[in-house]
Amino acid sequence: MRASLTSTGKRIALALLGLGFLARPALAADSPAAQTSRLAIFPLRCTDTDLGLGRSIFLRLYDEMLLYPEFAVVERARLQDLLQEQRIGESGLVDSDTAARLGKLLGASHALLGEVLTTAGSCKLALRLAEVETGRVLMTAEKPVPQVEDADEIAGQALKDLMEGGPVYRASSVRDPQSKAACAFDSNQATSWVAAEGNTAGWLEVWYKRPRTFREVSFFVKAGPTGEGVPKRFSVSYWTGQEWKTLSSVMGNTRAEWQTRFAPVSSPRWRLEVTAVIGSAGPVTVTELVLK
């Protein structure tokens, strides 16, 4: 378990960062790995009797986020000023929609929200990471809090689960639960991601908690007797931290298996976007998407 950062230790760490002793090797300004996301951490939702516990966990989350340099955290003083302007107190009356609105005012791309749930003598901490632009919840984590005195340590564990868990698979649409986005990443060509009926265009994404470096992307599809369903136009892109950047764009494809290689690129998010398929017999289908 990670020990809690003391106030003194935190000041020393920040001072060393300022002097460059703890800095990582410099990255080019346009390098995907150099891009960071701006994160706003909001007070936890809790009852009046749990205000002290909620504030303690809130402060611990700020300390722990120092361990994740891919996020630049909005200054606590600036956040508190905005909460006071909006007349939102420490009880954390911030839902995903409110967080999206306040996050935009703070210039944040992501929001970290949470709540302390106390029922029938039991206590649970729930955290979620949301996208400010859409309000969409990206990741969640929950931990029981058997002893109040252990809450800070458990908050650190919950944040680690949230930030360092496995990848998340997303798709523009899904036909049914048996053809979800994850089916294209399970190393099993007997399963497939299938877009909703009639969708001959769509996208498939994989989101990692931290940047991953790849130099090759391949995909496999199930083709009909005359090639229907094969992506005719498609592109492979990665997220720079601000926008999707296309690595490869193909028109007039007729192959059910396709591969592209490129100079190594590091990014936490990768996307295959299909804009047209051969024929119109069925929706976009991808049996397997492989990144190496």
C-alpha atoms as a PDB file:
ATOM      1  CA  MET A   1       0.000   0.000   0.000  1.00  0.00           C
ATOM      2  CA  ARG A   2       1.190   3.507  -0.730  1.00  0.00           C
ATOM      3  CA  ALA A   3       1.726   5.682   2.278  1.00  0.00           C
ATOM      4  CA  SER A   4      -0.139   8.986   2.398  1.00  0.00           C
ATOM      5  CA  LEU A   5       1.870  11.972   1.183  1.00  0.00           C
ATOM      6  CA  THR A   6       2.513  14.373   4.040  1.00  0.00           C
ATOM      7  CA  SER A   7       2.178  18.110   3.537  1.00  0.00           C
ATOM      8  CA  THR A   8       5.940  18.502   3.978  1.00  0.00           C
ATOM      9  CA  GLY A   9       6.678  15.661   1.571  1.00  0.00           C
ATOM     10  CA  LYS A  10       4.327  17.125  -0.979  1.00  0.00           C
ATOM     11  CA  ARG A  11       6.018  20.546  -0.770  1.00  0.00           C
ATOM     12  CA  ILE A  12       9.437  18.923  -1.249  1.00  0.00           C
ATOM     13  CA  ALA A  13       8.178  16.934  -4.248  1.00  0.00           C
ATOM     14  CA  LEU A  14       6.721  20.041  -5.843  1.00  0.00           C
ATOM     15  CA  ALA A  15       9.918  21.992  -5.193  1.00  0.00           C
ATOM     16  CA  LEU A  16      12.014  19.272  -6.828  1.00  0.00           C
ATOM     17  CA  LEU A  17       9.655  19.204  -9.776  1.00  0.00           C
ATOM     18  CA  GLY A  18      10.078  22.944 -10.127  1.00  0.00           C
ATOM     19  CA  LEU A  19      13.864  22.551 -10.163  1.00  0.00           C
ATOM     20  CA  GLY A  20      13.719  19.720 -12.674  1.00  0.00           C
ATOM     21  CA  PHE A  21      15.131  16.976 -10.417  1.00  0.00           C
ATOM     22  CA  LEU A  22      12.060  14.779 -10.821  1.00  0.00           C
ATOM     23  CA  ALA A  23      11.286  15.693 -14.415  1.00  0.00           C
ATOM     24  CA  ARG A  24      10.924  13.059 -17.094  1.00  0.00           C
ATOM     25  CA  PRO A  25      12.917  13.260 -20.367  1.00  0.00           C
ATOM     26  CA  ALA A  26      11.706  16.146 -22.521  1.00  0.00           C
ATOM     27  CA  LEU A  27       9.173  15.363 -25.232  1.00  0.00           C
ATOM     28  CA  ALA A  28       8.513  17.187 -28.458  1.00  0.00           C
ATOM     29  CA  ALA A  29       5.562  19.560 -28.203  1.00  0.00           C
ATOM     30  CA  ASP A  30       3.623  17.640 -30.870  1.00  0.00           C
ATOM     31  CA  SER A  31       4.429  14.210 -29.428  1.00  0.00           C
ATOM     32  CA  PRO A  32       1.282  12.328 -28.309  1.00  0.00           C
ATOM     33  CA  ALA A  33       3.046  11.357 -25.075  1.00  0.00           C
ATOM     34  CA  ALA A  34       3.656  15.041 -24.345  1.00  0.00           C
ATOM     35  CA  GLN A  35      -0.073  15.782 -24.326  1.00  0.00           C
ATOM     36  CA  THR A  36      -1.802  15.860 -20.938  1.00  0.00           C
ATOM     37  CA  SER A  37      -5.436  16.014 -19.997  1.00  0.00           C
ATOM     38  CA  ARG A  38      -6.643  18.680 -17.563  1.00  0.00           C
ATOM     39  CA  LEU A  39      -8.539  17.164 -14.634  1.00  0.00           C
ATOM     40  CA  ALA A  40     -10.944  18.795 -12.177  1.00  0.00           C
ATOM     41  CA  ILE A  41     -11.421  16.926  -8.878  1.00  0.00           C
ATOM     42  CA  PHE A  42     -14.780  17.727  -7.310  1.00  0.00           C
ATOM     43  CA  PRO A  43     -15.819  17.362  -3.636  1.00  0.00           C
ATOM     44  CA  LEU A  44     -17.435  14.033  -2.865  1.00  0.00           C
ATOM     45  CA  ARG A  45     -21.186  13.732  -2.497  1.00  0.00           C
ATOM     46  CA  CYS A  46     -21.968  12.777   1.096  1.00  0.00           C
ATOM     47  CA  THR A  47     -24.375  13.395   3.963  1.00  0.00           C
ATOM     48  CA  ASP A  48     -23.828  16.201   6.460  1.00  0.00           C
ATOM     49  CA  THR A  49     -22.593  13.683   9.044  1.00  0.00           C
ATOM     50  CA  ASP A  50     -19.904  12.464   6.614  1.00  0.00           C
ATOM     51  CA  LEU A  51     -18.578  15.904   5.620  1.00  0.00           C
ATOM     52  CA  GLY A  52     -15.301  15.416   7.502  1.00  0.00           C
ATOM     53  CA  LEU A  53     -14.743  12.015   5.920  1.00  0.00           C
ATOM     54  CA  GLY A  54     -15.622  13.328   2.469  1.00  0.00           C
ATOM     55  CA  ARG A  55     -13.212  16.253   2.780  1.00  0.00           C
ATOM     56  CA  SER A  56     -10.403  13.983   3.999  1.00  0.00           C
ATOM     57  CA  ILE A  57     -10.838  11.692   0.978  1.00  0.00           C
ATOM     58  CA  PHE A  58     -11.111  14.702  -1.349  1.00  0.00           C
ATOM     59  CA  LEU A  59      -7.715  16.000  -0.136  1.00  0.00           C
ATOM     60  CA  ARG A  60      -6.183  12.533  -0.413  1.00  0.00           C
ATOM     61  CA  LEU A  61      -7.270  12.297  -4.044  1.00  0.00           C
ATOM     62  CA  TYR A  62      -5.402  15.532  -4.784  1.00  0.00           C
ATOM     63  CA  ASP A  63      -2.252  14.073  -3.208  1.00  0.00           C
ATOM     64  CA  GLU A  64      -2.557  10.777  -5.075  1.00  0.00           C
ATOM     65  CA  MET A  65      -3.037  12.442  -8.469  1.00  0.00           C
ATOM     66  CA  LEU A  66       0.584  13.647  -8.260  1.00  0.00           C
ATOM     67  CA  LEU A  67       1.439  10.069  -9.241  1.00  0.00           C
ATOM     68  CA  TYR A  68      -0.345  10.372 -12.601  1.00  0.00           C
ATOM     69  CA  PRO A  69       1.508  12.935 -14.762  1.00  0.00           C
ATOM     70  CA  GLU A  70      -0.778  12.316 -17.732  1.00  0.00           C
ATOM     71  CA  PHE A  71      -3.283  14.543 -15.911  1.00  0.00           C
ATOM     72  CA  ALA A  72      -2.712  18.209 -15.026  1.00  0.00           C
ATOM     73  CA  VAL A  73      -4.964  18.809 -12.009  1.00  0.00           C
ATOM     74  CA  VAL A  74      -6.926  22.063 -11.698  1.00  0.00           C
ATOM     75  CA  GLU A  75      -5.688  24.032  -8.687  1.00  0.00           C
ATOM     76  CA  ARG A  76      -7.801  23.432  -5.583  1.00  0.00           C
ATOM     77  CA  ALA A  77      -8.072  27.153  -4.771  1.00  0.00           C
ATOM     78  CA  ARG A  78      -9.443  27.884  -8.240  1.00  0.00           C
ATOM     79  CA  LEU A  79     -11.968  25.076  -7.913  1.00  0.00           C
ATOM     80  CA  GLN A  80     -13.093  26.275  -4.477  1.00  0.00           C
ATOM     81  CA  ASP A  81     -13.577  29.821  -5.792  1.00  0.00           C
ATOM     82  CA  LEU A  82     -15.817  28.520  -8.575  1.00  0.00           C
ATOM     83  CA  LEU A  83     -17.809  26.319  -6.184  1.00  0.00           C
ATOM     84  CA  GLN A  84     -18.410  29.325  -3.947  1.00  0.00           C
ATOM     85  CA  GLU A  85     -19.529  31.397  -6.930  1.00  0.00           C
ATOM     86  CA  GLN A  86     -21.958  28.623  -7.869  1.00  0.00           C
ATOM     87  CA  ARG A  87     -23.032  28.242  -4.210  1.00  0.00           C
ATOM     88  CA  ILE A  88     -22.012  24.601  -4.077  1.00  0.00           C
ATOM     89  CA  GLY A  89     -20.766  23.558  -0.657  1.00  0.00           C
ATOM     90  CA  GLU A  90     -18.579  20.746   0.604  1.00  0.00           C
ATOM     91  CA  SER A  91     -21.481  18.286   0.512  1.00  0.00           C
ATOM     92  CA  GLY A  92     -20.517  17.781  -3.138  1.00  0.00           C
ATOM     93  CA  LEU A  93     -23.812  18.478  -4.884  1.00  0.00           C
ATOM     94  CA  VAL A  94     -22.142  17.910  -8.248  1.00  0.00           C
ATOM     95  CA  ASP A  95     -23.588  15.374 -10.670  1.00  0.00           C
ATOM     96  CA  SER A  96     -22.108  14.490 -14.070  1.00  0.00           C
ATOM     97  CA  ASP A  97     -24.032  17.247 -15.860  1.00  0.00           C
ATOM     98  CA  THR A  98     -22.963  19.908 -13.330  1.00  0.00           C
ATOM     99  CA  ALA A  99     -19.382  18.637 -13.447  1.00  0.00           C
ATOM    100  CA  ALA A 100     -19.413  18.976 -17.241  1.00  0.00           C
ATOM    101  CA  ARG A 101     -20.614  22.578 -16.982  1.00  0.00           C
ATOM    102  CA  LEU A 102     -18.149  23.543 -14.235  1.00  0.00           C
ATOM    103  CA  GLY A 103     -15.337  21.611 -15.891  1.00  0.00           C
ATOM    104  CA  LYS A 104     -15.699  23.700 -19.041  1.00  0.00           C
ATOM    105  CA  LEU A 105     -15.454  26.877 -16.956  1.00  0.00           C
ATOM    106  CA  LEU A 106     -12.247  25.506 -15.431  1.00  0.00           C
ATOM    107  CA  GLY A 107     -10.796  24.520 -18.810  1.00  0.00           C
ATOM    108  CA  ALA A 108     -10.803  20.836 -17.824  1.00  0.00           C
ATOM    109  CA  SER A 109     -11.162  17.921 -20.224  1.00  0.00           C
ATOM    110  CA  HIS A 110     -12.008  15.400 -17.498  1.00  0.00           C
ATOM    111  CA  ALA A 111     -13.693  15.378 -14.089  1.00  0.00           C
ATOM    112  CA  LEU A 112     -13.118  13.097 -11.101  1.00  0.00           C
ATOM    113  CA  LEU A 113     -16.269  12.676  -9.027  1.00  0.00           C
ATOM    114  CA  GLY A 114     -17.199  10.470  -6.111  1.00  0.00           C
ATOM    115  CA  GLU A 115     -19.523   9.814  -3.250  1.00  0.00           C
ATOM    116  CA  VAL A 116     -19.480   8.337   0.227  1.00  0.00           C
ATOM    117  CA  LEU A 117     -22.441   5.979   0.601  1.00  0.00           C
ATOM    118  CA  THR A 118     -23.456   5.137   4.169  1.00  0.00           C
ATOM    119  CA  THR A 119     -26.338   2.705   4.693  1.00  0.00           C
ATOM    120  CA  ALA A 120     -27.275   0.444   7.618  1.00  0.00           C
ATOM    121  CA  GLY A 121     -23.946   0.965   9.330  1.00  0.00           C
ATOM    122  CA  SER A 122     -21.839   0.176   6.243  1.00  0.00           C
ATOM    123  CA  CYS A 123     -19.807   2.662   4.231  1.00  0.00           C
ATOM    124  CA  LYS A 124     -18.683   2.561   0.608  1.00  0.00           C
ATOM    125  CA  LEU A 125     -16.562   4.878  -1.545  1.00  0.00           C
ATOM    126  CA  ALA A 126     -17.459   5.206  -5.230  1.00  0.00           C
ATOM    127  CA  LEU A 127     -15.329   7.109  -7.769  1.00  0.00           C
ATOM    128  CA  ARG A 128     -15.904   7.855 -11.437  1.00  0.00           C
ATOM    129  CA  LEU A 129     -13.947   9.577 -14.185  1.00  0.00           C
ATOM    130  CA  ALA A 130     -16.099  11.559 -16.618  1.00  0.00           C
ATOM    131  CA  GLU A 131     -15.473  13.334 -19.905  1.00  0.00           C
ATOM    132  CA  VAL A 132     -16.280  17.032 -19.528  1.00  0.00           C
ATOM    133  CA  GLU A 133     -17.289  17.642 -23.140  1.00  0.00           C
ATOM    134  CA  THR A 134     -19.991  14.959 -23.146  1.00  0.00           C
ATOM    135  CA  GLY A 135     -20.577  14.173 -19.467  1.00  0.00           C
ATOM    136  CA  ARG A 136     -19.972  10.512 -20.344  1.00  0.00           C
ATOM    137  CA  VAL A 137     -18.637   8.373 -17.465  1.00  0.00           C
ATOM    138  CA  LEU A 138     -15.464   6.638 -18.664  1.00  0.00           C
ATOM    139  CA  MET A 139     -14.278   4.649 -15.642  1.00  0.00           C
ATOM    140  CA  THR A 140     -15.684   3.675 -12.244  1.00  0.00           C
ATOM    141  CA  ALA A 141     -14.297   2.135  -9.051  1.00  0.00           C
ATOM    142  CA  GLU A 142     -15.877   1.179  -5.732  1.00  0.00           C
ATOM    143  CA  LYS A 143     -14.365   0.161  -2.395  1.00  0.00           C
ATOM    144  CA  PRO A 144     -15.973  -0.693   0.963  1.00  0.00           C
ATOM    145  CA  VAL A 145     -14.776   1.390   3.919  1.00  0.00           C
ATOM    146  CA  PRO A 146     -15.029  -0.934   6.953  1.00  0.00           C
ATOM    147  CA  GLN A 147     -13.233   1.498   9.276  1.00  0.00           C
ATOM    148  CA  VAL A 148     -13.378   5.287   9.009  1.00  0.00           C
ATOM    149  CA  GLU A 149      -9.713   5.551   9.986  1.00  0.00           C
ATOM    150  CA  ASP A 150      -8.825   3.506   6.880  1.00  0.00           C
ATOM    151  CA  ALA A 151     -10.728   5.789   4.491  1.00  0.00           C
ATOM    152  CA  ASP A 152      -7.692   7.720   3.214  1.00  0.00           C
ATOM    153  CA  GLU A 153      -5.774   4.554   2.385  1.00  0.00           C
ATOM    154  CA  ILE A 154      -8.819   3.004   0.728  1.00  0.00           C
ATOM    155  CA  ALA A 155      -9.272   6.186  -1.327  1.00  0.00           C
ATOM    156  CA  GLY A 156      -5.759   5.686  -2.691  1.00  0.00           C
ATOM    157  CA  GLN A 157      -6.571   2.079  -3.593  1.00  0.00           C
ATOM    158  CA  ALA A 158      -9.821   3.091  -5.300  1.00  0.00           C
ATOM    159  CA  LEU A 159      -8.032   5.756  -7.342  1.00  0.00           C
ATOM    160  CA  LYS A 160      -5.379   3.245  -8.379  1.00  0.00           C
ATOM    161  CA  ASP A 161      -8.105   0.839  -9.534  1.00  0.00           C
ATOM    162  CA  LEU A 162      -9.698   3.684 -11.484  1.00  0.00           C
ATOM    163  CA  MET A 163      -6.482   4.875 -13.127  1.00  0.00           C
ATOM    164  CA  GLU A 164      -4.589   1.629 -13.682  1.00  0.00           C
ATOM    165  CA  GLY A 165      -7.250  -0.941 -14.543  1.00  0.00           C
ATOM    166  CA  GLY A 166      -7.633  -2.625 -17.905  1.00  0.00           C
ATOM    167  CA  PRO A 167      -8.550  -0.898 -21.169  1.00  0.00           C
ATOM    168  CA  VAL A 168     -12.058   0.230 -22.072  1.00  0.00           C
ATOM    169  CA  TYR A 169     -13.548  -0.719 -25.436  1.00  0.00           C
ATOM    170  CA  ARG A 170     -16.059   1.602 -27.121  1.00  0.00           C
ATOM    171  CA  ALA A 171     -18.074   1.584 -30.335  1.00  0.00           C
ATOM    172  CA  SER A 172     -20.356   3.975 -32.178  1.00  0.00           C
ATOM    173  CA  SER A 173     -23.191   1.441 -31.837  1.00  0.00           C
ATOM    174  CA  VAL A 174     -23.706  -2.228 -30.962  1.00  0.00           C
ATOM    175  CA  ARG A 175     -26.226  -4.674 -32.398  1.00  0.00           C
ATOM    176  CA  ASP A 176     -26.643  -6.665 -29.158  1.00  0.00           C
ATOM    177  CA  PRO A 177     -24.711  -7.601 -25.955  1.00  0.00           C
ATOM    178  CA  GLN A 178     -23.158 -10.597 -27.733  1.00  0.00           C
ATOM    179  CA  SER A 179     -21.530  -8.345 -30.353  1.00  0.00           C
ATOM    180  CA  LYS A 180     -20.099  -5.601 -28.112  1.00  0.00           C
ATOM    181  CA  ALA A 181     -16.894  -3.668 -28.814  1.00  0.00           C
ATOM    182  CA  ALA A 182     -14.755  -5.911 -26.575  1.00  0.00           C
ATOM    183  CA  CYS A 183     -15.439  -8.849 -28.930  1.00  0.00           C
ATOM    184  CA  ALA A 184     -13.036  -7.274 -31.447  1.00  0.00           C
ATOM    185  CA  PHE A 185     -10.178  -7.406 -28.909  1.00  0.00           C
ATOM    186  CA  ASP A 186     -10.607 -10.888 -27.383  1.00  0.00           C
ATOM    187  CA  SER A 187      -8.192 -12.801 -29.693  1.00  0.00           C
ATOM    188  CA  ASN A 188     -11.134 -14.932 -30.787  1.00  0.00           C
ATOM    189  CA  GLN A 189     -12.236 -14.698 -34.420  1.00  0.00           C
ATOM    190  CA  ALA A 190     -15.408 -16.599 -33.584  1.00  0.00           C
ATOM    191  CA  THR A 191     -16.736 -13.419 -31.958  1.00  0.00           C
ATOM    192  CA  SER A 192     -17.167  -9.983 -33.545  1.00  0.00           C
ATOM    193  CA  TRP A 193     -18.137  -6.401 -32.884  1.00  0.00           C
ATOM    194  CA  VAL A 194     -21.257  -5.744 -34.945  1.00  0.00           C
ATOM    195  CA  ALA A 195     -22.718  -2.267 -35.318  1.00  0.00           C
ATOM    196  CA  ALA A 196     -26.450  -1.701 -34.981  1.00  0.00           C
ATOM    197  CA  GLU A 197     -28.562  -2.950 -37.884  1.00  0.00           C
ATOM    198  CA  GLY A 198     -28.312  -0.763 -40.960  1.00  0.00           C
ATOM    199  CA  ASN A 199     -25.155   1.028 -39.793  1.00  0.00           C
ATOM    200  CA  THR A 200     -22.710   0.727 -42.693  1.00  0.00           C
ATOM    201  CA  ALA A 201     -20.445   3.312 -41.061  1.00  0.00           C
ATOM    202  CA  GLY A 202     -19.127   3.477 -37.511  1.00  0.00           C
ATOM    203  CA  TRP A 203     -16.081   3.460 -35.263  1.00  0.00           C
ATOM    204  CA  LEU A 204     -14.352   1.149 -32.817  1.00  0.00           C
ATOM    205  CA  GLU A 205     -12.049   2.456 -30.063  1.00  0.00           C
ATOM    206  CA  VAL A 206      -9.786   1.156 -27.313  1.00  0.00           C
ATOM    207  CA  TRP A 207      -8.929   3.454 -24.382  1.00  0.00           C
ATOM    208  CA  TYR A 208      -5.960   2.631 -22.160  1.00  0.00           C
ATOM    209  CA  LYS A 209      -5.434   4.195 -18.752  1.00  0.00           C
ATOM    210  CA  ARG A 210      -1.938   5.281 -19.818  1.00  0.00           C
ATOM    211  CA  PRO A 211      -0.331   5.855 -23.231  1.00  0.00           C
ATOM    212  CA  ARG A 212       0.559   2.681 -25.138  1.00  0.00           C
ATOM    213  CA  THR A 213       3.106   2.569 -27.953  1.00  0.00           C
ATOM    214  CA  PHE A 214       2.239   0.724 -31.161  1.00  0.00           C
ATOM    215  CA  ARG A 215       3.715   0.466 -34.655  1.00  0.00           C
ATOM    216  CA  GLU A 216       1.255  -1.854 -36.375  1.00  0.00           C
ATOM    217  CA  VAL A 217      -2.534  -2.190 -36.662  1.00  0.00           C
ATOM    218  CA  SER A 218      -4.408  -5.101 -38.267  1.00  0.00           C
ATOM    219  CA  PHE A 219      -8.072  -5.925 -38.597  1.00  0.00           C
ATOM    220  CA  PHE A 220     -10.079  -8.945 -39.713  1.00  0.00           C
ATOM    221  CA  VAL A 221     -13.723  -9.057 -40.830  1.00  0.00           C
ATOM    222  CA  LYS A 222     -16.276 -11.629 -41.898  1.00  0.00           C
ATOM    223  CA  ALA A 223     -17.098 -11.142 -45.566  1.00  0.00           C
ATOM    224  CA  GLY A 224     -20.191 -12.278 -47.432  1.00  0.00           C
ATOM    225  CA  PRO A 225     -20.019 -14.478 -50.575  1.00  0.00           C
ATOM    226  CA  THR A 226     -19.382 -11.450 -52.815  1.00  0.00           C
ATOM    227  CA  GLY A 227     -17.351  -9.451 -50.318  1.00  0.00           C
ATOM    228  CA  GLU A 228     -20.261  -7.562 -48.783  1.00  0.00           C
ATOM    229  CA  GLY A 229     -19.567  -6.198 -45.317  1.00  0.00           C
ATOM    230  CA  VAL A 230     -15.853  -5.597 -45.987  1.00  0.00           C
ATOM    231  CA  PRO A 231     -14.827  -2.009 -45.081  1.00  0.00           C
ATOM    232  CA  LYS A 232     -14.471  -0.125 -48.366  1.00  0.00           C
ATOM    233  CA  ARG A 233     -13.320   3.158 -46.794  1.00  0.00           C
ATOM    234  CA  PHE A 234     -11.734   3.345 -43.358  1.00  0.00           C
ATOM    235  CA  SER A 235      -9.027   5.058 -41.308  1.00  0.00           C
ATOM    236  CA  VAL A 236      -6.834   4.345 -38.271  1.00  0.00           C
ATOM    237  CA  SER A 237      -6.303   7.216 -35.826  1.00  0.00           C
ATOM    238  CA  TYR A 238      -4.832   7.968 -32.395  1.00  0.00           C
ATOM    239  CA  TRP A 239      -5.753  10.602 -29.806  1.00  0.00           C
ATOM    240  CA  THR A 240      -3.217  13.426 -29.385  1.00  0.00           C
ATOM    241  CA  GLY A 241      -4.827  14.780 -26.231  1.00  0.00           C
ATOM    242  CA  GLN A 242      -6.745  17.369 -28.235  1.00  0.00           C
ATOM    243  CA  GLU A 243      -7.937  15.636 -31.408  1.00  0.00           C
ATOM    244  CA  TRP A 244      -7.909  12.422 -33.409  1.00  0.00           C
ATOM    245  CA  LYS A 245      -4.927  12.265 -35.783  1.00  0.00           C
ATOM    246  CA  THR A 246      -5.161   9.927 -38.774  1.00  0.00           C
ATOM    247  CA  LEU A 247      -2.289   7.484 -39.281  1.00  0.00           C
ATOM    248  CA  SER A 248      -3.659   5.719 -42.330  1.00  0.00           C
ATOM    249  CA  SER A 249      -6.697   6.250 -44.549  1.00  0.00           C
ATOM    250  CA  VAL A 250      -7.770   3.713 -47.181  1.00  0.00           C
ATOM    251  CA  MET A 251     -10.288   4.003 -50.037  1.00  0.00           C
ATOM    252  CA  GLY A 252     -11.437   1.244 -52.388  1.00  0.00           C
ATOM    253  CA  ASN A 253     -10.405  -1.622 -50.100  1.00  0.00           C
ATOM    254  CA  THR A 254     -11.580  -5.129 -51.054  1.00  0.00           C
ATOM    255  CA  ARG A 255      -9.679  -7.221 -48.488  1.00  0.00           C
ATOM    256  CA  ALA A 256     -11.198  -8.882 -45.423  1.00  0.00           C
ATOM    257  CA  GLU A 257      -7.766  -8.767 -43.729  1.00  0.00           C
ATOM    258  CA  TRP A 258      -5.769  -5.563 -43.647  1.00  0.00           C
ATOM    259  CA  GLN A 259      -2.568  -4.370 -41.963  1.00  0.00           C
ATOM    260  CA  THR A 260      -0.598  -1.118 -41.731  1.00  0.00           C
ATOM    261  CA  ARG A 261       2.791  -0.340 -40.192  1.00  0.00           C
ATOM    262  CA  PHE A 262       4.094   3.067 -39.116  1.00  0.00           C
ATOM    263  CA  ALA A 263       6.748   4.754 -36.988  1.00  0.00           C
ATOM    264  CA  PRO A 264       6.107   4.035 -33.263  1.00  0.00           C
ATOM    265  CA  VAL A 265       3.330   6.198 -31.822  1.00  0.00           C
ATOM    266  CA  SER A 266       2.365   6.530 -28.149  1.00  0.00           C
ATOM    267  CA  SER A 267      -1.236   7.343 -27.220  1.00  0.00           C
ATOM    268  CA  PRO A 268      -3.861   6.226 -24.670  1.00  0.00           C
ATOM    269  CA  ARG A 269      -6.631   5.984 -27.296  1.00  0.00           C
ATOM    270  CA  TRP A 270      -6.824   4.295 -30.679  1.00  0.00           C
ATOM    271  CA  ARG A 271      -9.624   4.239 -33.245  1.00  0.00           C
ATOM    272  CA  LEU A 272     -10.699   2.361 -36.376  1.00  0.00           C
ATOM    273  CA  GLU A 273     -13.324   4.356 -38.271  1.00  0.00           C
ATOM    274  CA  VAL A 274     -15.268   2.806 -41.143  1.00  0.00           C
ATOM    275  CA  THR A 275     -17.116   5.194 -43.457  1.00  0.00           C
ATOM    276  CA  ALA A 276     -18.393   2.701 -46.055  1.00  0.00           C
ATOM    277  CA  VAL A 277     -18.657  -1.055 -46.605  1.00  0.00           C
ATOM    278  CA  ILE A 278     -18.959  -3.167 -49.739  1.00  0.00           C
ATOM    279  CA  GLY A 279     -22.606  -3.824 -50.498  1.00  0.00           C
ATOM    280  CA  SER A 280     -25.445  -3.104 -48.100  1.00  0.00           C
ATOM    281  CA  ALA A 281     -26.350  -6.567 -46.836  1.00  0.00           C
ATOM    282  CA  GLY A 282     -25.414  -5.864 -43.239  1.00  0.00           C
ATOM    283  CA  PRO A 283     -23.843  -3.489 -40.711  1.00  0.00           C
ATOM    284  CA  VAL A 284     -20.166  -2.887 -40.011  1.00  0.00           C
ATOM    285  CA  THR A 285     -18.565  -6.001 -38.502  1.00  0.00           C
ATOM    286  CA  VAL A 286     -15.015  -6.402 -37.169  1.00  0.00           C
ATOM    287  CA  THR A 287     -13.900  -9.859 -36.069  1.00  0.00           C
ATOM    288  CA  GLU A 288     -10.600  -8.734 -34.597  1.00  0.00           C
ATOM    289  CA  LEU A 289      -8.624  -5.499 -34.238  1.00  0.00           C
ATOM    290  CA  VAL A 290      -4.982  -6.081 -33.293  1.00  0.00           C
ATOM    291  CA  LEU A 291      -2.499  -3.413 -32.167  1.00  0.00           C
ATOM    292  CA  LYS A 292       1.198  -4.276 -31.862  1.00  0.00           C
END
